[in-house]
Amino acid sequence: MQQRVTESENRSTTLQAQVADLQAAQQNIIATMTMLRQDLEAALDPVRAQQASGGAELRSLQAQIAAMQEQVRILTEQLAAYEAAGVAPGATPLPANTPPAATGGGNLPALGARSEEDVLFNAAYGDYTAGQFVLAVSGFEEFVSRHSASPRAADALYWIGESLAAQELHAEARRRFLEIPQAYPGSPKIADAVLRAALEALELGQRDDAIRELRELVAAHANSDAALIGCMQLDRLGQGLPAACRLP
């Protein structure tokens, strides 16, 4: 019995440490996102904006922000799984004789104990972050095929677009970005998708389409990070900036 108690306490302590690590990683990513947004605000200074290298730099900024947002989402889901099981930093270890119904069969959830939907999405996202863009496209396409009604389907489409853009398949990337507002009109990913579609239009030499989409982006999503980057791009293109850009 004493051995069971000790094993239970050790398992609980390990889980508490994992939760603490997840929370620290989440806060670090949020802090980095805050700094990046501050850099974006500073970059709206017209002189600096004119010196910007152009679409490639802005695509990189948007990809960084989107990747950080996705990491925060995944970490938040992992933390929620632990909290649902009653595990938190400093929590009292569960007794060894806790009934199976209270602990999911006697074991608290590990990081991998998530739904097939989450596993599929996170595997594809892992391929993207590892630079395996062909695999990422395949994984996200499978996700959309299996879970087209999922709240994360729009995110999967977005990362398909990013993966294609990373392979310089700009026309196909633009097409997939434009699918998002059409297929998922209520998705919070729309602002990011419209921005990326506009930047891909510039890569394809479709300047008028890009300017129109950037203005629509700023008008519809004025307080978003995507709109902030859209303002930078409009300024670089020598366009009059909408009032929503709020230059300092």
C-alpha atoms as a PDB file:
ATOM      1  CA  MET A   1       0.000   0.000   0.000  1.00  0.00           C
ATOM      2  CA  GLN A   2       2.802   2.399   0.904  1.00  0.00           C
ATOM      3  CA  GLN A   3       4.409   1.712  -2.472  1.00  0.00           C
ATOM      4  CA  ARG A   4       1.137   2.565  -4.263  1.00  0.00           C
ATOM      5  CA  VAL A   5       0.860   5.799  -2.313  1.00  0.00           C
ATOM      6  CA  THR A   6       4.460   6.716  -3.164  1.00  0.00           C
ATOM      7  CA  GLU A   7       3.934   5.946  -6.863  1.00  0.00           C
ATOM      8  CA  SER A   8       0.769   8.026  -6.912  1.00  0.00           C
ATOM      9  CA  GLU A   9       2.523  10.947  -5.252  1.00  0.00           C
ATOM     10  CA  ASN A  10       5.451  10.725  -7.706  1.00  0.00           C
ATOM     11  CA  ARG A  11       3.075  10.635 -10.686  1.00  0.00           C
ATOM     12  CA  SER A  12       1.159  13.629  -9.372  1.00  0.00           C
ATOM     13  CA  THR A  13       4.387  15.556  -8.746  1.00  0.00           C
ATOM     14  CA  THR A  14       5.539  14.852 -12.314  1.00  0.00           C
ATOM     15  CA  LEU A  15       2.219  16.047 -13.730  1.00  0.00           C
ATOM     16  CA  GLN A  16       2.375  19.198 -11.642  1.00  0.00           C
ATOM     17  CA  ALA A  17       5.847  19.906 -13.025  1.00  0.00           C
ATOM     18  CA  GLN A  18       4.573  19.400 -16.579  1.00  0.00           C
ATOM     19  CA  VAL A  19       1.727  21.841 -15.970  1.00  0.00           C
ATOM     20  CA  ALA A  20       4.163  24.401 -14.558  1.00  0.00           C
ATOM     21  CA  ASP A  21       6.390  24.003 -17.631  1.00  0.00           C
ATOM     22  CA  LEU A  22       3.386  24.453 -19.953  1.00  0.00           C
ATOM     23  CA  GLN A  23       2.309  27.597 -18.129  1.00  0.00           C
ATOM     24  CA  ALA A  24       5.831  29.025 -18.315  1.00  0.00           C
ATOM     25  CA  ALA A  25       6.045  28.270 -22.043  1.00  0.00           C
ATOM     26  CA  GLN A  26       2.653  29.858 -22.609  1.00  0.00           C
ATOM     27  CA  GLN A  27       3.669  33.045 -20.791  1.00  0.00           C
ATOM     28  CA  ASN A  28       6.966  33.231 -22.701  1.00  0.00           C
ATOM     29  CA  ILE A  29       5.163  32.989 -26.034  1.00  0.00           C
ATOM     30  CA  ILE A  30       2.618  35.626 -24.999  1.00  0.00           C
ATOM     31  CA  ALA A  31       5.452  37.940 -23.916  1.00  0.00           C
ATOM     32  CA  THR A  32       7.208  37.429 -27.262  1.00  0.00           C
ATOM     33  CA  MET A  33       3.974  38.185 -29.126  1.00  0.00           C
ATOM     34  CA  THR A  34       3.590  41.391 -27.126  1.00  0.00           C
ATOM     35  CA  MET A  35       7.101  42.502 -28.068  1.00  0.00           C
ATOM     36  CA  LEU A  36       6.472  41.668 -31.725  1.00  0.00           C
ATOM     37  CA  ARG A  37       3.273  43.698 -31.737  1.00  0.00           C
ATOM     38  CA  GLN A  38       5.165  46.638 -30.224  1.00  0.00           C
ATOM     39  CA  ASP A  39       7.713  46.352 -33.029  1.00  0.00           C
ATOM     40  CA  LEU A  40       4.863  46.397 -35.539  1.00  0.00           C
ATOM     41  CA  GLU A  41       3.422  49.544 -33.980  1.00  0.00           C
ATOM     42  CA  ALA A  42       6.832  51.230 -34.162  1.00  0.00           C
ATOM     43  CA  ALA A  43       7.238  50.120 -37.769  1.00  0.00           C
ATOM     44  CA  LEU A  44       4.213  52.165 -38.761  1.00  0.00           C
ATOM     45  CA  ASP A  45       6.442  55.221 -38.587  1.00  0.00           C
ATOM     46  CA  PRO A  46       6.399  56.275 -42.269  1.00  0.00           C
ATOM     47  CA  VAL A  47      10.190  56.531 -42.554  1.00  0.00           C
ATOM     48  CA  ARG A  48      10.745  53.013 -41.264  1.00  0.00           C
ATOM     49  CA  ALA A  49       7.875  51.665 -43.332  1.00  0.00           C
ATOM     50  CA  GLN A  50       9.431  53.074 -46.488  1.00  0.00           C
ATOM     51  CA  GLN A  51      12.640  51.231 -45.593  1.00  0.00           C
ATOM     52  CA  ALA A  52      10.865  47.903 -45.132  1.00  0.00           C
ATOM     53  CA  SER A  53      12.059  45.170 -47.464  1.00  0.00           C
ATOM     54  CA  GLY A  54       8.514  44.515 -48.664  1.00  0.00           C
ATOM     55  CA  GLY A  55       6.161  41.614 -48.933  1.00  0.00           C
ATOM     56  CA  ALA A  56       8.651  38.970 -47.815  1.00  0.00           C
ATOM     57  CA  GLU A  57       9.305  40.768 -44.519  1.00  0.00           C
ATOM     58  CA  LEU A  58       5.613  41.309 -43.870  1.00  0.00           C
ATOM     59  CA  ARG A  59       4.783  37.687 -44.697  1.00  0.00           C
ATOM     60  CA  SER A  60       7.432  36.655 -42.195  1.00  0.00           C
ATOM     61  CA  LEU A  61       5.948  38.909 -39.496  1.00  0.00           C
ATOM     62  CA  GLN A  62       2.478  37.547 -40.075  1.00  0.00           C
ATOM     63  CA  ALA A  63       3.715  33.959 -40.051  1.00  0.00           C
ATOM     64  CA  GLN A  64       5.507  34.570 -36.746  1.00  0.00           C
ATOM     65  CA  ILE A  65       2.402  36.010 -35.133  1.00  0.00           C
ATOM     66  CA  ALA A  66       0.162  33.241 -36.463  1.00  0.00           C
ATOM     67  CA  ALA A  67       2.604  30.549 -35.329  1.00  0.00           C
ATOM     68  CA  MET A  68       2.777  32.019 -31.840  1.00  0.00           C
ATOM     69  CA  GLN A  69      -1.003  32.218 -31.643  1.00  0.00           C
ATOM     70  CA  GLU A  70      -1.208  28.547 -32.616  1.00  0.00           C
ATOM     71  CA  GLN A  71       1.366  27.594 -29.988  1.00  0.00           C
ATOM     72  CA  VAL A  72      -0.608  29.458 -27.324  1.00  0.00           C
ATOM     73  CA  ARG A  73      -3.765  27.657 -28.467  1.00  0.00           C
ATOM     74  CA  ILE A  74      -2.117  24.233 -28.199  1.00  0.00           C
ATOM     75  CA  LEU A  75      -0.592  24.995 -24.805  1.00  0.00           C
ATOM     76  CA  THR A  76      -3.941  26.271 -23.550  1.00  0.00           C
ATOM     77  CA  GLU A  77      -5.629  23.042 -24.641  1.00  0.00           C
ATOM     78  CA  GLN A  78      -2.993  20.976 -22.859  1.00  0.00           C
ATOM     79  CA  LEU A  79      -3.393  23.010 -19.672  1.00  0.00           C
ATOM     80  CA  ALA A  80      -7.165  22.644 -19.862  1.00  0.00           C
ATOM     81  CA  ALA A  81      -6.791  18.853 -20.080  1.00  0.00           C
ATOM     82  CA  TYR A  82      -4.732  18.831 -16.917  1.00  0.00           C
ATOM     83  CA  GLU A  83      -7.080  21.199 -15.091  1.00  0.00           C
ATOM     84  CA  ALA A  84     -10.048  19.030 -16.058  1.00  0.00           C
ATOM     85  CA  ALA A  85      -8.283  16.136 -14.323  1.00  0.00           C
ATOM     86  CA  GLY A  86      -7.753  18.203 -11.196  1.00  0.00           C
ATOM     87  CA  VAL A  87      -4.008  18.698 -11.623  1.00  0.00           C
ATOM     88  CA  ALA A  88      -2.413  22.107 -11.107  1.00  0.00           C
ATOM     89  CA  PRO A  89       0.940  23.369  -9.798  1.00  0.00           C
ATOM     90  CA  GLY A  90       1.000  22.841  -6.055  1.00  0.00           C
ATOM     91  CA  ALA A  91      -2.151  20.714  -6.075  1.00  0.00           C
ATOM     92  CA  THR A  92      -2.609  18.022  -3.441  1.00  0.00           C
ATOM     93  CA  PRO A  93      -1.673  14.608  -4.901  1.00  0.00           C
ATOM     94  CA  LEU A  94      -4.616  12.321  -5.531  1.00  0.00           C
ATOM     95  CA  PRO A  95      -4.736   9.361  -3.137  1.00  0.00           C
ATOM     96  CA  ALA A  96      -3.773   5.971  -4.520  1.00  0.00           C
ATOM     97  CA  ASN A  97      -7.212   4.526  -3.819  1.00  0.00           C
ATOM     98  CA  THR A  98      -9.125   7.180  -5.791  1.00  0.00           C
ATOM     99  CA  PRO A  99     -11.945   5.391  -7.684  1.00  0.00           C
ATOM    100  CA  PRO A 100     -11.170   4.729 -11.385  1.00  0.00           C
ATOM    101  CA  ALA A 101     -14.159   6.834 -12.514  1.00  0.00           C
ATOM    102  CA  ALA A 102     -12.545   9.933 -10.979  1.00  0.00           C
ATOM    103  CA  THR A 103      -9.181   9.489 -12.690  1.00  0.00           C
ATOM    104  CA  GLY A 104     -10.019   8.026 -16.071  1.00  0.00           C
ATOM    105  CA  GLY A 105      -9.124   4.461 -15.115  1.00  0.00           C
ATOM    106  CA  GLY A 106      -6.600   5.366 -12.431  1.00  0.00           C
ATOM    107  CA  ASN A 107      -4.297   7.459 -14.662  1.00  0.00           C
ATOM    108  CA  LEU A 108      -4.303  11.208 -15.175  1.00  0.00           C
ATOM    109  CA  PRO A 109      -4.130  12.296 -18.833  1.00  0.00           C
ATOM    110  CA  ALA A 110      -0.742  12.564 -20.483  1.00  0.00           C
ATOM    111  CA  LEU A 111       0.016  15.185 -23.113  1.00  0.00           C
ATOM    112  CA  GLY A 112      -0.813  12.737 -25.902  1.00  0.00           C
ATOM    113  CA  ALA A 113      -4.196  11.754 -24.455  1.00  0.00           C
ATOM    114  CA  ARG A 114      -6.220  13.986 -26.754  1.00  0.00           C
ATOM    115  CA  SER A 115      -8.817  13.429 -29.411  1.00  0.00           C
ATOM    116  CA  GLU A 116      -8.001  12.122 -32.875  1.00  0.00           C
ATOM    117  CA  GLU A 117      -8.870  15.576 -34.193  1.00  0.00           C
ATOM    118  CA  ASP A 118      -6.278  17.256 -31.986  1.00  0.00           C
ATOM    119  CA  VAL A 119      -3.642  14.625 -32.716  1.00  0.00           C
ATOM    120  CA  LEU A 120      -4.132  14.999 -36.478  1.00  0.00           C
ATOM    121  CA  PHE A 121      -3.996  18.811 -36.395  1.00  0.00           C
ATOM    122  CA  ASN A 122      -0.999  18.985 -34.077  1.00  0.00           C
ATOM    123  CA  ALA A 123       0.932  16.408 -36.129  1.00  0.00           C
ATOM    124  CA  ALA A 124       0.437  18.496 -39.267  1.00  0.00           C
ATOM    125  CA  TYR A 125       1.398  21.662 -37.412  1.00  0.00           C
ATOM    126  CA  GLY A 126       4.505  19.891 -36.127  1.00  0.00           C
ATOM    127  CA  ASP A 127       5.457  19.117 -39.743  1.00  0.00           C
ATOM    128  CA  TYR A 128       4.992  22.798 -40.618  1.00  0.00           C
ATOM    129  CA  THR A 129       7.200  24.041 -37.785  1.00  0.00           C
ATOM    130  CA  ALA A 130       9.828  21.450 -38.761  1.00  0.00           C
ATOM    131  CA  GLY A 131       9.909  22.818 -42.303  1.00  0.00           C
ATOM    132  CA  GLN A 132       8.298  19.687 -43.765  1.00  0.00           C
ATOM    133  CA  PHE A 133       5.863  21.702 -45.868  1.00  0.00           C
ATOM    134  CA  VAL A 134       4.767  18.946 -48.241  1.00  0.00           C
ATOM    135  CA  LEU A 135       3.905  16.712 -45.303  1.00  0.00           C
ATOM    136  CA  ALA A 136       2.183  19.624 -43.575  1.00  0.00           C
ATOM    137  CA  VAL A 137      -0.057  20.224 -46.600  1.00  0.00           C
ATOM    138  CA  SER A 138      -0.962  16.540 -46.688  1.00  0.00           C
ATOM    139  CA  GLY A 139      -1.721  16.459 -42.971  1.00  0.00           C
ATOM    140  CA  PHE A 140      -3.846  19.586 -42.958  1.00  0.00           C
ATOM    141  CA  GLU A 141      -5.696  18.460 -46.102  1.00  0.00           C
ATOM    142  CA  GLU A 142      -6.547  15.224 -44.305  1.00  0.00           C
ATOM    143  CA  PHE A 143      -7.743  17.230 -41.313  1.00  0.00           C
ATOM    144  CA  VAL A 144     -10.052  19.378 -43.460  1.00  0.00           C
ATOM    145  CA  SER A 145     -11.353  16.290 -45.230  1.00  0.00           C
ATOM    146  CA  ARG A 146     -12.166  14.488 -41.981  1.00  0.00           C
ATOM    147  CA  HIS A 147     -13.211  17.467 -39.852  1.00  0.00           C
ATOM    148  CA  SER A 148     -14.634  20.085 -42.210  1.00  0.00           C
ATOM    149  CA  ALA A 149     -17.122  21.195 -39.531  1.00  0.00           C
ATOM    150  CA  SER A 150     -14.459  21.595 -36.847  1.00  0.00           C
ATOM    151  CA  PRO A 151     -13.757  25.067 -35.400  1.00  0.00           C
ATOM    152  CA  ARG A 152     -10.135  24.407 -36.396  1.00  0.00           C
ATOM    153  CA  ALA A 153     -10.869  23.664 -40.056  1.00  0.00           C
ATOM    154  CA  ALA A 154     -10.271  27.301 -40.980  1.00  0.00           C
ATOM    155  CA  ASP A 155      -6.942  27.181 -39.142  1.00  0.00           C
ATOM    156  CA  ALA A 156      -6.003  24.060 -41.099  1.00  0.00           C
ATOM    157  CA  LEU A 157      -6.800  25.843 -44.364  1.00  0.00           C
ATOM    158  CA  TYR A 158      -4.669  28.782 -43.252  1.00  0.00           C
ATOM    159  CA  TRP A 159      -1.669  26.554 -42.567  1.00  0.00           C
ATOM    160  CA  ILE A 160      -2.158  24.829 -45.916  1.00  0.00           C
ATOM    161  CA  GLY A 161      -1.790  28.287 -47.460  1.00  0.00           C
ATOM    162  CA  GLU A 162       1.318  29.051 -45.406  1.00  0.00           C
ATOM    163  CA  SER A 163       2.854  25.700 -46.323  1.00  0.00           C
ATOM    164  CA  LEU A 164       2.223  26.314 -50.025  1.00  0.00           C
ATOM    165  CA  ALA A 165       3.607  29.852 -49.800  1.00  0.00           C
ATOM    166  CA  ALA A 166       6.753  28.479 -48.156  1.00  0.00           C
ATOM    167  CA  GLN A 167       7.195  26.370 -51.312  1.00  0.00           C
ATOM    168  CA  GLU A 168       6.669  29.512 -53.447  1.00  0.00           C
ATOM    169  CA  LEU A 169       3.426  28.121 -54.837  1.00  0.00           C
ATOM    170  CA  HIS A 170       1.876  31.561 -54.618  1.00  0.00           C
ATOM    171  CA  ALA A 171      -1.178  31.089 -56.833  1.00  0.00           C
ATOM    172  CA  GLU A 172      -2.265  27.959 -54.985  1.00  0.00           C
ATOM    173  CA  ALA A 173      -1.507  29.541 -51.609  1.00  0.00           C
ATOM    174  CA  ARG A 174      -3.629  32.573 -52.484  1.00  0.00           C
ATOM    175  CA  ARG A 175      -6.498  30.330 -53.571  1.00  0.00           C
ATOM    176  CA  ARG A 176      -6.467  28.479 -50.254  1.00  0.00           C
ATOM    177  CA  PHE A 177      -6.305  31.694 -48.203  1.00  0.00           C
ATOM    178  CA  LEU A 178      -9.313  33.038 -50.103  1.00  0.00           C
ATOM    179  CA  GLU A 179     -11.267  29.866 -49.304  1.00  0.00           C
ATOM    180  CA  ILE A 180     -11.368  30.738 -45.618  1.00  0.00           C
ATOM    181  CA  PRO A 181     -13.778  33.733 -45.648  1.00  0.00           C
ATOM    182  CA  GLN A 182     -15.949  31.882 -48.168  1.00  0.00           C
ATOM    183  CA  ALA A 183     -16.121  28.540 -46.378  1.00  0.00           C
ATOM    184  CA  TYR A 184     -15.918  29.803 -42.777  1.00  0.00           C
ATOM    185  CA  PRO A 185     -17.396  33.332 -42.678  1.00  0.00           C
ATOM    186  CA  GLY A 186     -17.461  33.430 -38.881  1.00  0.00           C
ATOM    187  CA  SER A 187     -13.889  32.308 -38.330  1.00  0.00           C
ATOM    188  CA  PRO A 188     -11.470  34.494 -36.336  1.00  0.00           C
ATOM    189  CA  LYS A 189      -8.835  33.461 -38.890  1.00  0.00           C
ATOM    190  CA  ILE A 190     -10.383  35.601 -41.637  1.00  0.00           C
ATOM    191  CA  ALA A 191      -8.263  38.713 -41.009  1.00  0.00           C
ATOM    192  CA  ASP A 192      -5.036  36.714 -41.223  1.00  0.00           C
ATOM    193  CA  ALA A 193      -6.274  34.939 -44.344  1.00  0.00           C
ATOM    194  CA  VAL A 194      -7.238  38.152 -46.154  1.00  0.00           C
ATOM    195  CA  LEU A 195      -3.853  39.683 -45.373  1.00  0.00           C
ATOM    196  CA  ARG A 196      -1.994  36.651 -46.630  1.00  0.00           C
ATOM    197  CA  ALA A 197      -4.138  36.477 -49.774  1.00  0.00           C
ATOM    198  CA  ALA A 198      -3.284  40.118 -50.483  1.00  0.00           C
ATOM    199  CA  LEU A 199       0.436  39.544 -49.952  1.00  0.00           C
ATOM    200  CA  GLU A 200       0.313  36.549 -52.277  1.00  0.00           C
ATOM    201  CA  ALA A 201      -1.469  38.743 -54.858  1.00  0.00           C
ATOM    202  CA  LEU A 202       1.528  41.072 -54.750  1.00  0.00           C
ATOM    203  CA  GLU A 203       3.836  38.128 -55.359  1.00  0.00           C
ATOM    204  CA  LEU A 204       1.747  37.345 -58.429  1.00  0.00           C
ATOM    205  CA  GLY A 205       1.839  40.942 -59.692  1.00  0.00           C
ATOM    206  CA  GLN A 206      -1.850  41.538 -58.909  1.00  0.00           C
ATOM    207  CA  ARG A 207      -1.298  44.956 -57.342  1.00  0.00           C
ATOM    208  CA  ASP A 208      -4.840  46.327 -57.711  1.00  0.00           C
ATOM    209  CA  ASP A 209      -6.387  43.228 -56.124  1.00  0.00           C
ATOM    210  CA  ALA A 210      -3.895  43.404 -53.289  1.00  0.00           C
ATOM    211  CA  ILE A 211      -4.603  47.072 -52.540  1.00  0.00           C
ATOM    212  CA  ARG A 212      -8.353  46.489 -52.602  1.00  0.00           C
ATOM    213  CA  GLU A 213      -8.073  43.529 -50.234  1.00  0.00           C
ATOM    214  CA  LEU A 214      -5.754  45.386 -47.869  1.00  0.00           C
ATOM    215  CA  ARG A 215      -8.209  48.272 -47.627  1.00  0.00           C
ATOM    216  CA  GLU A 216     -11.065  45.860 -47.007  1.00  0.00           C
ATOM    217  CA  LEU A 217      -8.974  44.179 -44.321  1.00  0.00           C
ATOM    218  CA  VAL A 218      -8.245  47.434 -42.476  1.00  0.00           C
ATOM    219  CA  ALA A 219     -11.891  48.525 -42.696  1.00  0.00           C
ATOM    220  CA  ALA A 220     -13.314  45.227 -41.428  1.00  0.00           C
ATOM    221  CA  HIS A 221     -10.651  44.237 -38.871  1.00  0.00           C
ATOM    222  CA  ALA A 222      -9.141  47.543 -37.762  1.00  0.00           C
ATOM    223  CA  ASN A 223      -7.921  46.326 -34.358  1.00  0.00           C
ATOM    224  CA  SER A 224      -6.232  43.144 -35.546  1.00  0.00           C
ATOM    225  CA  ASP A 225      -2.531  42.428 -35.958  1.00  0.00           C
ATOM    226  CA  ALA A 226      -3.278  41.595 -39.590  1.00  0.00           C
ATOM    227  CA  ALA A 227      -4.714  45.074 -40.176  1.00  0.00           C
ATOM    228  CA  LEU A 228      -1.616  46.609 -38.623  1.00  0.00           C
ATOM    229  CA  ILE A 229       0.577  44.754 -41.107  1.00  0.00           C
ATOM    230  CA  GLY A 230      -1.874  45.712 -43.860  1.00  0.00           C
ATOM    231  CA  CYS A 231      -1.329  49.369 -42.990  1.00  0.00           C
ATOM    232  CA  MET A 232       2.417  48.878 -43.313  1.00  0.00           C
ATOM    233  CA  GLN A 233       1.977  47.346 -46.746  1.00  0.00           C
ATOM    234  CA  LEU A 234      -0.365  50.095 -47.967  1.00  0.00           C
ATOM    235  CA  ASP A 235       2.161  52.690 -46.848  1.00  0.00           C
ATOM    236  CA  ARG A 236       4.965  50.855 -48.628  1.00  0.00           C
ATOM    237  CA  LEU A 237       2.875  50.768 -51.800  1.00  0.00           C
ATOM    238  CA  GLY A 238       2.523  54.545 -51.644  1.00  0.00           C
ATOM    239  CA  GLN A 239      -1.179  54.429 -50.847  1.00  0.00           C
ATOM    240  CA  GLY A 240      -3.048  56.908 -48.682  1.00  0.00           C
ATOM    241  CA  LEU A 241      -3.573  55.266 -45.326  1.00  0.00           C
ATOM    242  CA  PRO A 242      -7.096  54.749 -43.964  1.00  0.00           C
ATOM    243  CA  ALA A 243      -7.923  56.544 -40.727  1.00  0.00           C
ATOM    244  CA  ALA A 244      -8.070  53.147 -38.993  1.00  0.00           C
ATOM    245  CA  CYS A 245      -4.316  52.790 -39.423  1.00  0.00           C
ATOM    246  CA  ARG A 246      -3.845  55.373 -36.651  1.00  0.00           C
ATOM    247  CA  LEU A 247      -0.287  56.451 -37.426  1.00  0.00           C
ATOM    248  CA  PRO A 248       1.570  57.725 -34.316  1.00  0.00           C
END
